[in-house]
Amino acid sequence: MAEPAPRHGMTVGEFLAYDDGTDVRYELVGGEMIAMNPPAEPHVRITSNLFEALSRRLTRPCRA
């Protein structure tokens, strides 16, 4: 009888269900969880500007 193939990494479902109880953000790369750096101030500013620009242009019921 053949042995089952070894399991490598985490599935998307497992990743989405994972909660380590901290505010650390992770991304899933090739089945491995990678901790992400906190967003830098310029990134936060760009994200806020994009959100605001999209919000002004969308009409209900759409929203950014």
N, C-alpha and C. Protein backbone atom coordinates (compact mmCIF):
# COMPACT_ATOMS: atom_id res chain seq x y z
N MET A 1 0.85 -1.17 0.00
CA MET A 1 0.00 0.00 0.00
C MET A 1 0.90 1.24 0.00
N ALA A 2 0.57 2.21 -0.81
CA ALA A 2 1.37 3.43 -0.94
C ALA A 2 1.13 4.36 0.24
N GLU A 3 2.20 5.01 0.65
CA GLU A 3 2.10 6.02 1.70
C GLU A 3 1.49 7.29 1.12
N PRO A 4 0.65 8.02 1.91
CA PRO A 4 0.14 9.30 1.40
C PRO A 4 1.28 10.30 1.23
N ALA A 5 1.13 11.15 0.27
CA ALA A 5 2.15 12.17 0.04
C ALA A 5 2.25 13.09 1.25
N PRO A 6 3.46 13.51 1.61
CA PRO A 6 3.58 14.42 2.75
C PRO A 6 2.88 15.75 2.47
N ARG A 7 2.28 16.30 3.48
CA ARG A 7 1.55 17.56 3.35
C ARG A 7 2.51 18.73 3.49
N HIS A 8 2.42 19.65 2.56
CA HIS A 8 3.29 20.82 2.59
C HIS A 8 2.46 22.07 2.78
N GLY A 9 2.71 22.77 3.84
CA GLY A 9 2.09 24.07 4.03
C GLY A 9 0.65 24.02 4.47
N MET A 10 0.05 25.17 4.40
CA MET A 10 -1.29 25.43 4.90
C MET A 10 -2.22 25.70 3.73
N THR A 11 -3.46 25.28 3.85
CA THR A 11 -4.45 25.58 2.81
C THR A 11 -5.00 26.99 3.02
N VAL A 12 -5.65 27.51 2.00
CA VAL A 12 -6.26 28.84 2.11
C VAL A 12 -7.32 28.84 3.21
N GLY A 13 -8.11 27.78 3.29
CA GLY A 13 -9.14 27.68 4.32
C GLY A 13 -8.54 27.71 5.72
N GLU A 14 -7.45 26.96 5.93
CA GLU A 14 -6.78 26.96 7.22
C GLU A 14 -6.22 28.35 7.54
N PHE A 15 -5.65 29.00 6.53
CA PHE A 15 -5.10 30.34 6.72
C PHE A 15 -6.18 31.33 7.13
N LEU A 16 -7.32 31.29 6.44
CA LEU A 16 -8.41 32.22 6.75
C LEU A 16 -8.99 31.97 8.14
N ALA A 17 -8.94 30.73 8.61
CA ALA A 17 -9.48 30.40 9.92
C ALA A 17 -8.47 30.63 11.04
N TYR A 18 -7.20 30.85 10.70
CA TYR A 18 -6.14 30.98 11.71
C TYR A 18 -6.26 32.30 12.47
N ASP A 19 -6.11 32.22 13.77
CA ASP A 19 -6.10 33.41 14.63
C ASP A 19 -5.14 33.14 15.77
N ASP A 20 -4.04 33.89 15.83
CA ASP A 20 -3.07 33.68 16.90
C ASP A 20 -3.31 34.59 18.09
N GLY A 21 -4.40 35.36 18.06
CA GLY A 21 -4.74 36.21 19.18
C GLY A 21 -3.95 37.50 19.26
N THR A 22 -3.17 37.81 18.24
CA THR A 22 -2.40 39.05 18.22
C THR A 22 -2.89 39.93 17.07
N ASP A 23 -2.30 41.11 16.94
CA ASP A 23 -2.65 41.98 15.82
C ASP A 23 -1.64 41.87 14.68
N VAL A 24 -0.78 40.85 14.71
CA VAL A 24 0.18 40.62 13.63
C VAL A 24 -0.59 40.19 12.38
N ARG A 25 -0.23 40.79 11.25
CA ARG A 25 -0.86 40.44 9.98
C ARG A 25 0.05 39.49 9.23
N TYR A 26 -0.55 38.52 8.56
CA TYR A 26 0.18 37.51 7.81
C TYR A 26 -0.29 37.47 6.37
N GLU A 27 0.59 36.96 5.51
CA GLU A 27 0.18 36.63 4.15
C GLU A 27 0.55 35.17 3.93
N LEU A 28 -0.15 34.52 3.00
CA LEU A 28 0.09 33.11 2.69
C LEU A 28 0.87 33.05 1.39
N VAL A 29 2.09 32.51 1.45
CA VAL A 29 2.96 32.41 0.28
C VAL A 29 3.38 30.96 0.13
N GLY A 30 2.91 30.33 -0.93
CA GLY A 30 3.29 28.94 -1.17
C GLY A 30 2.94 28.01 -0.02
N GLY A 31 1.84 28.27 0.65
CA GLY A 31 1.40 27.44 1.75
C GLY A 31 2.05 27.77 3.09
N GLU A 32 2.92 28.77 3.12
CA GLU A 32 3.58 29.16 4.35
C GLU A 32 3.10 30.54 4.80
N MET A 33 2.86 30.68 6.09
CA MET A 33 2.45 31.98 6.64
C MET A 33 3.68 32.85 6.84
N ILE A 34 3.63 34.07 6.33
CA ILE A 34 4.72 35.02 6.46
C ILE A 34 4.18 36.25 7.19
N ALA A 35 4.84 36.63 8.30
CA ALA A 35 4.42 37.83 9.03
C ALA A 35 4.74 39.06 8.20
N MET A 36 3.82 40.00 8.16
CA MET A 36 4.00 41.23 7.40
C MET A 36 4.44 42.35 8.32
N ASN A 37 5.26 43.25 7.79
CA ASN A 37 5.65 44.44 8.54
C ASN A 37 4.44 45.35 8.68
N PRO A 38 4.38 46.14 9.75
CA PRO A 38 3.31 47.13 9.86
C PRO A 38 3.43 48.12 8.70
N PRO A 39 2.31 48.64 8.21
CA PRO A 39 2.39 49.59 7.09
C PRO A 39 3.11 50.87 7.48
N ALA A 40 3.95 51.36 6.58
CA ALA A 40 4.68 52.61 6.81
C ALA A 40 3.72 53.78 6.59
N GLU A 41 4.05 54.92 7.17
CA GLU A 41 3.20 56.12 7.09
C GLU A 41 2.87 56.50 5.64
N PRO A 42 3.84 56.51 4.72
CA PRO A 42 3.48 56.87 3.34
C PRO A 42 2.46 55.90 2.73
N HIS A 43 2.57 54.62 3.07
CA HIS A 43 1.62 53.63 2.56
C HIS A 43 0.22 53.90 3.09
N VAL A 44 0.13 54.21 4.36
CA VAL A 44 -1.17 54.51 4.98
C VAL A 44 -1.78 55.74 4.31
N ARG A 45 -0.97 56.75 4.06
CA ARG A 45 -1.46 57.98 3.42
C ARG A 45 -1.97 57.69 2.00
N ILE A 46 -1.22 56.91 1.23
CA ILE A 46 -1.64 56.57 -0.14
C ILE A 46 -2.95 55.79 -0.11
N THR A 47 -3.04 54.81 0.79
CA THR A 47 -4.26 54.02 0.91
C THR A 47 -5.46 54.90 1.27
N SER A 48 -5.27 55.82 2.20
CA SER A 48 -6.35 56.73 2.59
C SER A 48 -6.78 57.61 1.43
N ASN A 49 -5.81 58.12 0.68
CA ASN A 49 -6.14 58.97 -0.47
C ASN A 49 -6.91 58.19 -1.54
N LEU A 50 -6.51 56.96 -1.80
CA LEU A 50 -7.22 56.14 -2.78
C LEU A 50 -8.65 55.85 -2.33
N PHE A 51 -8.81 55.50 -1.06
CA PHE A 51 -10.13 55.22 -0.51
C PHE A 51 -11.03 56.45 -0.65
N GLU A 52 -10.51 57.61 -0.29
CA GLU A 52 -11.29 58.84 -0.37
C GLU A 52 -11.68 59.17 -1.81
N ALA A 53 -10.73 59.01 -2.74
CA ALA A 53 -11.01 59.30 -4.16
C ALA A 53 -12.07 58.35 -4.71
N LEU A 54 -11.98 57.07 -4.37
CA LEU A 54 -12.99 56.12 -4.83
C LEU A 54 -14.35 56.41 -4.22
N SER A 55 -14.36 56.69 -2.93
CA SER A 55 -15.63 56.95 -2.23
C SER A 55 -16.38 58.13 -2.84
N ARG A 56 -15.65 59.17 -3.23
CA ARG A 56 -16.30 60.36 -3.82
C ARG A 56 -16.93 60.04 -5.18
N ARG A 57 -16.39 59.09 -5.89
CA ARG A 57 -16.86 58.82 -7.25
C ARG A 57 -17.93 57.73 -7.34
N LEU A 58 -18.11 56.96 -6.31
CA LEU A 58 -19.08 55.88 -6.33
C LEU A 58 -20.45 56.37 -5.87
N THR A 59 -21.49 55.82 -6.48
CA THR A 59 -22.84 56.15 -6.06
C THR A 59 -23.45 54.95 -5.35
N ARG A 60 -24.42 55.20 -4.51
CA ARG A 60 -25.08 54.13 -3.76
C ARG A 60 -25.72 53.14 -4.70
N PRO A 61 -25.70 51.88 -4.43
CA PRO A 61 -25.31 51.22 -3.20
C PRO A 61 -23.82 50.84 -3.18
N CYS A 62 -23.06 51.23 -4.18
CA CYS A 62 -21.64 50.90 -4.23
C CYS A 62 -20.87 51.71 -3.19
N ARG A 63 -19.82 51.11 -2.68
CA ARG A 63 -18.96 51.83 -1.75
C ARG A 63 -17.55 51.24 -1.80
N ALA A 64 -16.61 52.06 -1.42
CA ALA A 64 -15.20 51.65 -1.46
C ALA A 64 -14.89 50.76 -0.27
